[in-house]
Protein backbone atom coordinates (compact mmCIF):
# COMPACT_ATOMS: atom_id res chain seq x y z
CA UNK A 1 99.95 118.54 -2.45
CA UNK A 2 97.83 121.57 -0.83
CA UNK A 3 97.26 124.31 -3.31
CA UNK A 4 98.04 127.47 -1.64
CA UNK A 5 96.68 129.85 -4.48
CA UNK A 6 97.67 133.46 -4.08
CA UNK A 7 99.31 133.54 -0.60
CA UNK A 8 101.91 135.59 0.93
CA UNK A 9 102.93 136.43 4.26
CA UNK A 10 104.26 139.67 4.55
CA UNK A 11 102.91 143.38 5.06
CA UNK A 12 101.15 144.83 1.73
CA UNK A 13 103.13 147.30 0.14
CA UNK A 14 106.52 145.86 1.39
CA UNK A 15 108.91 146.02 -1.45
CA UNK A 16 110.89 143.26 -3.19
CA UNK A 17 113.86 142.34 -0.91
CA UNK A 18 117.11 142.31 -2.51
CA UNK A 19 118.32 139.43 -4.13
CA UNK A 20 121.15 138.22 -6.64
CA UNK A 21 120.56 140.14 -9.82
CA UNK A 22 121.05 137.14 -12.29
CA UNK A 23 118.50 134.91 -10.60
CA UNK A 24 115.19 134.53 -11.58
CA UNK A 25 112.47 136.38 -9.31
CA UNK A 26 109.35 134.41 -8.80
CA UNK A 27 106.42 134.56 -6.68
CA UNK A 28 106.91 132.20 -3.74
CA UNK A 29 104.79 132.06 -0.43
CA UNK A 30 106.22 131.30 3.38
CA UNK A 31 106.05 127.58 3.88
CA UNK A 32 104.41 126.10 7.10
CA UNK A 33 107.03 124.15 8.33
CA UNK A 34 111.05 123.62 7.53
CA UNK A 35 112.22 122.79 4.04
CA UNK A 36 112.08 118.60 4.97
CA UNK A 37 110.72 116.36 2.60
CA UNK A 38 108.66 113.86 4.47
CA UNK A 39 106.60 117.07 6.02
CA UNK A 40 105.66 119.33 3.32
CA UNK A 41 102.23 119.10 2.09
CA UNK A 42 101.62 122.45 0.65
CA UNK A 43 103.28 124.37 -2.19
CA UNK A 44 104.71 127.29 -0.22
CA UNK A 45 107.52 124.61 0.47
CA UNK A 46 107.04 122.23 -1.89
CA UNK A 47 108.21 124.42 -4.70
CA UNK A 48 111.51 124.83 -3.15
CA UNK A 49 111.94 121.24 -2.06
CA UNK A 50 111.50 119.82 -5.38
CA UNK A 51 114.21 121.88 -6.61
CA UNK A 52 116.57 121.04 -3.62
CA UNK A 53 116.10 117.13 -3.95
CA UNK A 54 115.60 114.79 -6.62
CA UNK A 55 114.35 111.10 -5.98
CA UNK A 56 114.22 107.85 -7.96
CA UNK A 57 112.31 109.09 -10.52
CA UNK A 58 111.00 112.72 -11.71
CA UNK A 59 108.36 113.96 -13.86
CA UNK A 60 108.58 115.80 -17.25
CA UNK A 61 106.55 118.40 -18.14
CA UNK A 62 103.21 115.88 -19.19
CA UNK A 63 103.44 113.89 -16.15
CA UNK A 64 105.30 111.21 -17.37
CA UNK A 65 107.74 109.22 -14.80
CA UNK A 66 111.26 110.14 -16.26
CA UNK A 67 114.23 107.84 -14.45
CA UNK A 68 116.56 110.27 -12.17
CA UNK A 69 118.85 108.17 -9.46
CA UNK A 70 117.43 104.99 -10.40
CA UNK A 71 119.60 102.46 -12.23
CA UNK A 72 117.37 99.84 -11.85
CA UNK A 73 114.08 99.01 -10.45
CA UNK A 74 113.04 95.15 -10.36
CA UNK A 75 109.33 93.31 -9.56
CA UNK A 76 107.37 90.62 -10.88
CA UNK A 77 104.63 91.06 -8.81
CA UNK A 78 104.28 95.06 -7.90
CA UNK A 79 105.06 93.66 -4.31
CA UNK A 80 108.32 92.89 -3.81
CA UNK A 81 111.18 95.22 -5.33
CA UNK A 82 114.49 95.56 -5.64
CA UNK A 83 116.25 98.96 -6.33
CA UNK A 84 119.29 99.80 -7.34
CA UNK A 85 120.61 103.29 -7.41
CA UNK A 86 123.05 105.29 -9.30
CA UNK A 87 126.58 105.83 -8.40
CA UNK A 88 128.35 109.00 -7.85
CA UNK A 89 125.60 111.23 -6.85
CA UNK A 90 126.20 113.73 -4.10
CA UNK A 91 124.44 115.59 -1.60
CA UNK A 92 125.38 119.41 -1.78
CA UNK A 93 127.82 119.09 1.59
CA UNK A 94 129.63 116.35 -0.84
CA UNK A 95 128.53 113.42 0.94
CA UNK A 96 127.60 110.37 -1.57
CA UNK A 97 123.97 109.72 -1.92
CA UNK A 98 123.89 105.90 -0.99
CA UNK A 99 121.03 103.60 -0.33
CA UNK A 100 120.80 103.93 3.33
CA UNK A 101 119.70 107.75 2.54
CA UNK A 102 116.39 106.68 1.37
CA UNK A 103 115.80 103.98 3.64
CA UNK A 104 116.49 106.24 6.59
CA UNK A 105 114.42 109.26 5.25
CA UNK A 106 111.52 106.91 4.35
CA UNK A 107 111.86 105.35 7.98
CA UNK A 108 111.82 108.81 9.45
CA UNK A 109 108.59 109.72 7.57
CA UNK A 110 106.54 106.61 8.56
CA UNK A 111 107.66 107.03 12.07
CA UNK A 112 104.68 108.24 14.26
CA UNK A 113 106.58 110.28 16.77
CA UNK A 114 108.27 112.19 14.28
CA UNK A 115 104.54 113.40 12.87
CA UNK A 116 105.43 114.23 9.40
CA UNK A 117 102.61 115.45 7.38
CA UNK A 118 103.21 112.94 4.43
CA UNK A 119 103.54 109.89 6.82
CA UNK A 120 100.72 108.18 5.05
CA UNK A 121 102.17 107.77 1.70
CA UNK A 122 104.53 105.27 3.18
CA UNK A 123 101.47 103.00 4.53
CA UNK A 124 101.83 100.37 1.60
CA UNK A 125 105.22 99.24 3.27
CA UNK A 126 105.25 96.22 5.58
CA UNK A 127 105.60 97.24 8.84
CA UNK A 128 103.60 100.32 8.52
CA UNK A 129 101.37 99.58 11.24
CA UNK A 130 104.17 98.82 13.86
CA UNK A 131 105.74 102.14 13.21
CA UNK A 132 102.65 104.15 12.67
CA UNK A 133 100.82 103.98 15.55
CA UNK A 134 99.87 105.95 19.09
CA UNK A 135 102.38 103.74 20.73
CA UNK A 136 104.81 102.17 18.10
CA UNK A 137 106.54 99.15 18.58
CA UNK A 138 109.16 99.59 16.07
CA UNK A 139 111.19 102.59 14.75
CA UNK A 140 111.73 101.07 11.07
CA UNK A 141 109.80 99.61 8.65
CA UNK A 142 110.29 96.00 8.33
CA UNK A 143 109.52 96.20 4.80
CA UNK A 144 112.77 98.00 3.99
CA UNK A 145 116.24 96.42 4.05
CA UNK A 146 119.76 97.95 2.87
CA UNK A 147 121.49 95.38 0.74
CA UNK A 148 124.45 97.17 -0.33
CA UNK A 149 125.89 100.56 -0.82
CA UNK A 150 123.72 101.22 -3.90
CA UNK A 151 120.72 98.42 -3.49
CA UNK A 152 117.80 98.00 -1.31
CA UNK A 153 114.71 96.03 -1.54
CA UNK A 154 110.95 97.16 -0.45
CA UNK A 155 108.29 94.92 0.28
CA UNK A 156 104.77 95.87 0.50
CA UNK A 157 101.83 94.15 2.45
CA UNK A 158 99.71 93.18 -1.07
CA UNK A 159 100.61 94.73 -4.59
CA UNK A 160 100.09 98.57 -5.05
CA UNK A 161 99.67 99.99 -8.36
CA UNK A 162 100.34 103.51 -7.59
CA UNK A 163 103.45 102.66 -5.65
CA UNK A 164 106.08 103.04 -8.42
CA UNK A 165 104.23 106.26 -9.99
CA UNK A 166 104.97 107.79 -6.54
CA UNK A 167 108.53 107.16 -6.19
CA UNK A 168 109.12 110.84 -7.42
CA UNK A 169 106.77 112.48 -5.04
CA UNK A 170 108.58 114.52 -2.64
CA UNK A 171 108.44 111.92 0.65
CA UNK A 172 110.18 109.43 -1.46
CA UNK A 173 113.48 111.71 -1.95
CA UNK A 174 116.55 110.84 0.05
CA UNK A 175 117.91 112.83 3.08
CA UNK A 176 121.69 113.00 4.28
CA UNK A 177 123.11 111.59 7.30
CA UNK A 178 123.18 115.49 8.81
CA UNK A 179 119.24 115.60 8.62
CA UNK A 180 119.12 113.24 11.46
CA UNK A 181 121.28 115.26 13.58
CA UNK A 182 118.78 117.98 14.52
CA UNK A 183 115.86 117.84 11.72
CA UNK A 184 114.41 121.37 12.97
CA UNK A 185 117.74 122.92 12.05
CA UNK A 186 118.30 120.77 9.01
CA UNK A 187 114.75 122.51 7.88
CA UNK A 188 116.13 125.85 8.02
CA UNK A 189 119.04 125.01 5.86
CA UNK A 190 118.57 121.91 3.96
CA UNK A 191 121.50 119.77 2.10
CA UNK A 192 119.91 118.22 -0.96
CA UNK A 193 120.80 116.50 -3.99
CA UNK A 194 118.79 118.09 -6.67
CA UNK A 195 119.24 120.62 -9.36
CA UNK A 196 119.24 123.40 -6.75
CA UNK A 197 121.56 124.36 -3.63
CA UNK A 198 120.09 126.05 -0.66
CA UNK A 199 121.62 129.66 -0.58
CA UNK A 200 119.34 131.33 2.43
CA UNK A 201 115.54 131.55 3.45
CA UNK A 202 114.81 135.08 4.92
CA UNK A 203 111.54 134.38 6.60
CA UNK A 204 108.57 135.99 5.13
CA UNK A 205 110.60 137.55 2.54
CA UNK A 206 112.45 135.16 0.01
CA UNK A 207 114.04 131.89 -0.17
CA UNK A 208 116.79 132.14 -2.33
CA UNK A 209 118.53 128.85 -4.64
CA UNK A 210 121.41 128.70 -6.76
CA UNK A 211 122.23 126.25 -9.80
CA UNK A 212 123.82 123.41 -8.71
CA UNK A 213 126.90 122.84 -10.95
CA UNK A 214 127.26 119.02 -10.26
CA UNK A 215 123.87 117.90 -10.78
CA UNK A 216 123.46 114.71 -12.65
CA UNK A 217 119.74 114.47 -13.14
CA UNK A 218 117.61 114.87 -16.33
CA UNK A 219 116.33 118.56 -15.28
CA UNK A 220 119.75 120.19 -14.57
CA UNK A 221 119.34 124.14 -14.18
CA UNK A 222 119.20 126.45 -17.31
CA UNK A 223 119.52 129.39 -15.23
CA UNK A 224 121.78 130.66 -12.55
CA UNK A 225 119.43 130.53 -9.33
CA UNK A 226 115.48 131.04 -8.44
CA UNK A 227 114.53 133.53 -5.76
CA UNK A 228 111.14 132.77 -4.30
CA UNK A 229 110.12 136.37 -3.53
CA UNK A 230 107.17 136.32 -0.87
CA UNK A 231 104.37 138.67 -1.24
CA UNK A 232 101.51 140.38 0.91
CA UNK A 233 98.92 139.76 -2.16
CA UNK A 234 98.83 138.20 -5.68
CA UNK A 235 97.81 141.82 -6.87
CA UNK A 236 101.14 143.55 -5.25
CA UNK A 237 103.14 140.72 -6.95
CA UNK A 238 100.89 141.37 -10.63
CA UNK A 239 101.57 144.82 -10.39
CA UNK A 240 105.59 144.19 -10.15
CA UNK A 241 105.14 141.79 -13.05
CA UNK A 242 104.07 144.44 -14.89
CA UNK A 243 106.75 146.91 -13.93
CA UNK A 244 109.23 144.45 -14.46
CA UNK A 245 110.24 144.04 -10.80
CA UNK A 246 109.03 140.29 -10.88
CA UNK A 247 110.03 137.96 -13.59
CA UNK A 248 106.95 135.21 -12.97
CA UNK A 249 103.82 134.71 -11.30
CA UNK A 250 101.41 131.73 -10.53
CA UNK A 251 98.90 131.83 -10.13
CA UNK A 252 97.32 135.42 -11.27
CA UNK A 253 94.94 137.24 -8.87
CA UNK A 254 91.61 136.92 -9.54
CA UNK A 255 91.64 140.86 -10.29
CA UNK A 256 93.69 140.26 -13.41
CA UNK A 257 91.33 136.98 -15.39
CA UNK A 258 89.46 139.52 -17.44
CA UNK A 259 92.58 141.61 -18.56
CA UNK A 260 96.04 139.32 -18.39
CA UNK A 261 95.71 138.30 -21.94
CA UNK A 262 95.45 141.99 -23.17
CA UNK A 263 98.21 142.94 -20.76
CA UNK A 264 100.75 140.37 -20.87
CA UNK A 265 99.98 139.02 -24.63
CA UNK A 266 102.70 136.16 -25.48
CA UNK A 267 103.92 136.18 -21.59
CA UNK A 268 100.35 134.97 -20.48
CA UNK A 269 100.50 131.46 -19.91
CA UNK A 270 97.46 129.11 -19.51
CA UNK A 271 97.17 125.36 -19.10
CA UNK A 272 94.35 122.90 -18.20
CA UNK A 273 95.94 121.44 -14.86
CA UNK A 274 95.68 118.48 -12.38
CA UNK A 275 94.30 120.41 -9.53
CA UNK A 276 90.95 121.19 -8.14
CA UNK A 277 89.36 123.28 -5.24
CA UNK A 278 86.65 122.26 -2.90
CA UNK A 279 85.15 123.33 0.36
CA UNK A 280 85.69 121.04 3.19
CA UNK A 281 83.04 120.70 6.17
CA UNK A 282 84.62 118.89 9.12
CA UNK A 283 82.81 116.24 10.80
CA UNK A 284 83.12 117.49 13.75
CA UNK A 285 81.17 120.79 13.29
CA UNK A 286 77.60 121.05 14.51
CA UNK A 287 74.54 119.83 12.29
CA UNK A 288 77.56 117.71 9.91
CA UNK A 289 77.21 114.43 11.01
CA UNK A 290 75.42 111.62 10.56
CA UNK A 291 72.35 111.37 8.56
CA UNK A 292 71.54 114.93 9.21
CA UNK A 293 74.94 116.15 8.10
CA UNK A 294 74.64 113.99 4.85
CA UNK A 295 71.24 115.70 4.04
CA UNK A 296 72.84 119.84 4.87
CA UNK A 297 76.04 118.48 2.64
CA UNK A 298 74.00 117.87 -0.07
CA UNK A 299 71.75 120.26 0.19
CA UNK A 300 74.87 122.75 0.54
CA UNK A 301 76.12 121.32 -2.63
CA UNK A 302 72.97 121.75 -4.66
CA UNK A 303 72.48 125.33 -3.59
CA UNK A 304 75.88 126.45 -5.07
CA UNK A 305 75.52 127.90 -9.01
CA UNK A 306 79.25 126.88 -9.98
CA UNK A 307 78.54 127.67 -13.50
CA UNK A 308 77.69 131.53 -12.84
CA UNK A 309 79.98 131.90 -10.09
CA UNK A 310 82.68 130.67 -12.33
CA UNK A 311 81.52 132.91 -15.31
CA UNK A 312 80.95 136.02 -13.14
CA UNK A 313 84.19 136.07 -10.44
CA UNK A 314 86.62 133.81 -12.48
CA UNK A 315 85.99 134.97 -15.83
CA UNK A 316 85.19 131.29 -17.13
CA UNK A 317 88.97 130.50 -16.06
CA UNK A 318 88.20 127.40 -14.65
CA UNK A 319 84.87 124.42 -15.04
CA UNK A 320 82.55 123.39 -12.72
CA UNK A 321 83.93 120.06 -10.96
CA UNK A 322 82.00 116.83 -11.35
CA UNK A 323 83.86 114.71 -9.25
CA UNK A 324 86.92 114.81 -6.72
CA UNK A 325 90.16 114.43 -9.15
CA UNK A 326 90.79 116.27 -12.51
CA UNK A 327 89.68 115.62 -16.01
CA UNK A 328 93.68 115.32 -17.02
CA UNK A 329 94.39 112.43 -15.20
CA UNK A 330 94.36 109.27 -16.29
CA UNK A 331 91.13 106.97 -16.21
CA UNK A 332 88.96 110.27 -15.05
CA UNK A 333 85.46 109.44 -15.64
CA UNK A 334 82.66 112.18 -16.33
CA UNK A 335 79.13 111.77 -15.22
CA UNK A 336 79.45 109.31 -12.31
CA UNK A 337 76.57 108.26 -10.58
CA UNK A 338 75.46 110.63 -7.99
CA UNK A 339 77.65 113.53 -9.49
CA UNK A 340 73.74 115.33 -9.91
CA UNK A 341 74.42 116.07 -6.57
CA UNK A 342 77.38 118.85 -7.88
CA UNK A 343 74.44 120.42 -9.99
CA UNK A 344 72.75 123.62 -8.98
CA UNK A 345 69.35 122.59 -8.00
CA UNK A 346 67.90 125.27 -5.63
CA UNK A 347 64.16 123.54 -5.45
CA UNK A 348 66.12 119.89 -4.40
CA UNK A 349 68.51 121.74 -2.20
CA UNK A 350 65.56 123.13 -0.04
CA UNK A 351 63.82 119.79 0.47
CA UNK A 352 66.89 118.10 1.63
CA UNK A 353 67.66 121.10 3.96
CA UNK A 354 64.06 120.83 5.44
CA UNK A 355 64.53 117.17 5.79
CA UNK A 356 67.61 117.86 7.63
CA UNK A 357 65.66 120.49 10.19
CA UNK A 358 63.33 117.56 10.75
CA UNK A 359 66.33 115.65 12.37
CA UNK A 360 67.73 118.72 13.95
CA UNK A 361 66.41 122.48 13.49
CA UNK A 362 69.43 124.36 12.13
CA UNK A 363 71.27 127.11 14.05
CA UNK A 364 73.71 129.33 13.72
CA UNK A 365 75.50 130.16 10.28
CA UNK A 366 77.19 128.53 7.53
CA UNK A 367 80.99 130.16 7.35
CA UNK A 368 83.88 129.41 5.12
CA UNK A 369 87.24 130.38 5.96
CA UNK A 370 89.89 131.02 3.85
CA UNK A 371 93.18 132.94 3.79
CA UNK A 372 92.39 136.75 3.00
CA UNK A 373 95.12 137.28 0.43
CA UNK A 374 95.39 135.83 -2.93
CA UNK A 375 91.95 136.43 -4.69
CA UNK A 376 89.97 133.63 -2.94
CA UNK A 377 87.53 135.98 -0.87
CA UNK A 378 85.60 137.04 -4.17
CA UNK A 379 84.28 133.34 -5.26
CA UNK A 380 83.61 132.45 -1.77
CA UNK A 381 81.88 135.33 -0.84
CA UNK A 382 79.84 134.59 -4.14
CA UNK A 383 79.47 130.90 -3.05
CA UNK A 384 78.15 132.07 0.39
CA UNK A 385 75.76 133.93 -1.24
CA UNK A 386 74.42 131.41 -3.51
CA UNK A 387 73.83 129.15 -0.42
CA UNK A 388 72.53 131.87 1.59
CA UNK A 389 69.65 132.88 -1.16
CA UNK A 390 68.97 129.36 -2.14
CA UNK A 391 68.67 127.90 1.74
CA UNK A 392 67.32 130.99 3.37
CA UNK A 393 70.07 131.01 6.24
CA UNK A 394 72.91 133.14 7.06
CA UNK A 395 76.42 132.32 5.16
CA UNK A 396 79.53 134.24 4.74
CA UNK A 397 83.10 134.11 4.41
CA UNK A 398 85.73 134.59 7.01
CA UNK A 399 89.03 135.44 6.05
CA UNK A 400 92.27 134.61 7.91
CA UNK A 401 94.88 136.70 7.58
CA UNK A 402 97.67 134.22 6.55
CA UNK A 403 97.06 130.95 4.85
CA UNK A 404 99.87 129.45 7.84
CA UNK A 405 97.36 130.63 9.94
CA UNK A 406 94.60 128.92 8.35
CA UNK A 407 96.65 125.77 7.76
CA UNK A 408 97.65 125.76 11.40
CA UNK A 409 94.07 125.82 12.23
CA UNK A 410 92.86 122.97 10.08
CA UNK A 411 95.84 120.72 10.69
CA UNK A 412 95.45 120.99 14.32
CA UNK A 413 91.51 120.51 13.89
CA UNK A 414 91.06 123.57 15.84
CA UNK A 415 88.79 125.30 13.12
CA UNK A 416 85.13 125.70 13.78
CA UNK A 417 84.03 126.31 10.19
CA UNK A 418 83.88 125.18 6.95
CA UNK A 419 87.02 126.03 4.64
CA UNK A 420 88.47 126.12 1.38
CA UNK A 421 90.59 123.23 0.13
CA UNK A 422 92.19 122.11 -2.81
CA UNK A 423 94.61 119.92 -4.46
CA UNK A 424 97.74 119.77 -6.79
CA UNK A 425 98.73 116.46 -8.02
CA UNK A 426 101.97 115.03 -6.75
CA UNK A 427 102.09 112.32 -9.23
CA UNK A 428 99.53 111.92 -12.23
CA UNK A 429 97.04 109.57 -10.10
CA UNK A 430 93.13 109.61 -9.04
CA UNK A 431 94.38 107.74 -6.33
CA UNK A 432 96.73 110.43 -5.28
CA UNK A 433 93.71 112.56 -5.08
CA UNK A 434 91.30 110.35 -2.91
CA UNK A 435 93.91 108.68 -0.60
CA UNK A 436 95.55 111.66 0.96
CA UNK A 437 92.32 113.64 1.50
CA UNK A 438 89.65 111.17 2.33
CA UNK A 439 91.31 108.10 3.57
CA UNK A 440 90.73 107.31 7.23
CA UNK A 441 93.57 108.62 9.04
CA UNK A 442 95.46 110.13 6.09
CA UNK A 443 97.66 113.48 6.60
CA UNK A 444 95.54 115.77 4.49
CA UNK A 445 91.97 114.20 5.60
CA UNK A 446 91.14 117.33 7.34
CA UNK A 447 87.76 116.88 7.34
CA UNK A 448 87.85 114.14 9.78
CA UNK A 449 86.23 111.89 7.29
CA UNK A 450 86.01 107.91 7.92
CA UNK A 451 83.91 105.52 5.90
CA UNK A 452 84.87 102.07 5.95
CA UNK A 453 83.66 101.19 2.70
CA UNK A 454 85.22 103.86 0.78
CA UNK A 455 88.63 102.78 2.57
CA UNK A 456 88.12 99.09 1.39
CA UNK A 457 87.23 100.31 -2.36
CA UNK A 458 90.28 102.23 -2.33
CA UNK A 459 92.45 99.40 -1.16
CA UNK A 460 90.69 97.27 -3.75
CA UNK A 461 91.81 99.73 -6.33
CA UNK A 462 95.29 99.97 -5.44
CA UNK A 463 95.45 96.10 -5.24
CA UNK A 464 94.72 95.90 -9.19
CA UNK A 465 97.25 94.69 -11.38
CA UNK A 466 96.10 96.76 -14.58
CA UNK A 467 94.43 100.19 -14.49
CA UNK A 468 91.34 99.81 -16.29
CA UNK A 469 90.53 97.35 -13.19
CA UNK A 470 91.64 99.83 -10.82
CA UNK A 471 89.76 102.88 -12.15
CA UNK A 472 86.55 100.88 -11.94
CA UNK A 473 87.23 100.46 -8.27
CA UNK A 474 88.27 104.21 -8.02
CA UNK A 475 84.74 105.27 -9.71
CA UNK A 476 83.08 103.29 -7.03
CA UNK A 477 84.78 104.97 -4.45
CA UNK A 478 84.13 108.20 -5.80
CA UNK A 479 80.38 107.41 -5.68
CA UNK A 480 80.49 107.08 -1.93
CA UNK A 481 82.30 110.55 -1.63
CA UNK A 482 79.53 111.79 -4.06
CA UNK A 483 76.73 110.39 -1.36
CA UNK A 484 79.17 111.46 1.54
CA UNK A 485 80.49 114.84 0.82
CA UNK A 486 83.18 115.25 3.23
CA UNK A 487 83.93 118.28 0.94
CA UNK A 488 81.89 119.94 -1.60
CA UNK A 489 84.01 120.21 -5.10
CA UNK A 490 83.73 123.26 -6.62
CA UNK A 491 86.02 123.47 -9.67
CA UNK A 492 88.77 122.21 -11.61
CA UNK A 493 91.72 124.79 -11.97
CA UNK A 494 93.17 126.05 -15.31
CA UNK A 495 96.46 127.58 -14.36
CA UNK A 496 97.07 130.97 -15.37
CA UNK A 497 100.70 132.44 -15.01
CA UNK A 498 102.79 135.16 -16.47
CA UNK A 499 106.38 136.06 -16.91
CA UNK A 500 108.25 139.32 -17.27
CA UNK A 501 109.66 140.69 -20.60
CA UNK A 502 112.50 138.05 -21.98
CA UNK A 503 111.62 135.43 -19.46
CA UNK A 504 110.72 132.05 -20.91
CA UNK A 505 108.69 129.55 -18.74
CA UNK A 506 106.24 126.55 -19.30
CA UNK A 507 103.70 125.17 -16.85
CA UNK A 508 103.77 121.51 -16.19
CA UNK A 509 100.84 119.03 -15.98
CA UNK A 510 100.25 119.63 -12.34
CA UNK A 511 99.88 123.60 -12.45
CA UNK A 512 103.89 124.18 -11.30
CA UNK A 513 106.20 125.92 -13.03
CA UNK A 514 109.21 124.39 -14.84
CA UNK A 515 111.57 126.37 -12.87
CA UNK A 516 114.43 124.68 -13.86
CA UNK A 517 113.97 125.19 -17.49
CA UNK A 518 112.86 128.97 -17.12
CA UNK A 519 115.42 131.22 -18.88
CA UNK A 520 115.93 134.99 -18.64
CA UNK A 521 117.60 137.39 -21.15
């Protein structure tokens, strides 16, 4: 899921909106789109959606899959599945959750005219090519069949090692019948089956969720409700946390990274988590395609002094990236062949840049766009300074007022510069980093990157029946990325958060907060 660290969409200095006093008040961001499971790919919408909806599985604090709505899942070949769901689960409108609610939701997400951001996650299912095309010839996936009120079958085009892992992820959750009457209206007032019930969404101010007393799942709310408060900046939010006007903030602003442990004491939360940050360089930018583009991407990567920037700007609160995934994920491999392209090497960077100039002389500036709020400006400016000083070109950061505006530019392909990118794991898999961000046509492939060799290696990784064999193909795919560099990995995040006096919370394996288990005295 796209990481929107430190984002907000209201005017600076705006006071916290009123909310129910017994709700836990947490830092939130304005979702890019409505609260729809198959269309949300950023944390501003993802945080509340995952409290409103529950799928076949959920994930515990360490990333283990925990059965939720699934009663039985049967397969002998990792290609043909028979799934039976538990009886008695209900949506918040009182209707029972049945098998067709899963099948209808997945079909809706896969169908191209519905333009859902999470569409590509349904690609392993048989019939995807017929519903996901410029002119689809079918409206439903042939690999999905309802076989009873509480059972359905799934047929994949081939064995897919990650499929079962993904079944707790947001787009695989059920949607009620009412959603399909008017999906846009539903996104403004969602009806879910999760541990919380939607109460209100005051755009650019707050999203309120109340605990679901009838919830049957394993992560039942231990509090009365959650209010996601939307701020103009994480600095303002942190100030309110210190003043007792906010109960939780994640992440902390860059300005607090040197002082938060002293200021918060036991209320400070830190954990190495499955998320990373990179700089996306779209292939449609001048000078960044073909052989010239490869040389320039590699030169820019080697021109970035990651360790120094992390130490000076981020107070050592992360580590330099050495691949495109995260060290906390199963199967992670350090020191991949080709990863030296991520080392600071000014001499080699200049050599590569000069080779690119022999193909086509450089013109213009290297610009990195990001949202203006949230503490990204400092490290992006430092990256640009490192590039400028090493390659002797003009480079600077360009701040877009809000993250929503930046995301609208990047997802529409109208942006005309490099930009900050990042990913927070949705389920514990390296493939979940590599497929949605860099595979041809994937929903978050905002670089417009396409390499058939890379795609084929991912397909081979998915087709394996054991993790070690899959990991070998993942390593080979990463070597392709390390050569092409559609994005330039910067760092692995260490999540930092803080809570108010009397509030308890824990950081999950992927950097989110376990909202359902939060308590407040």
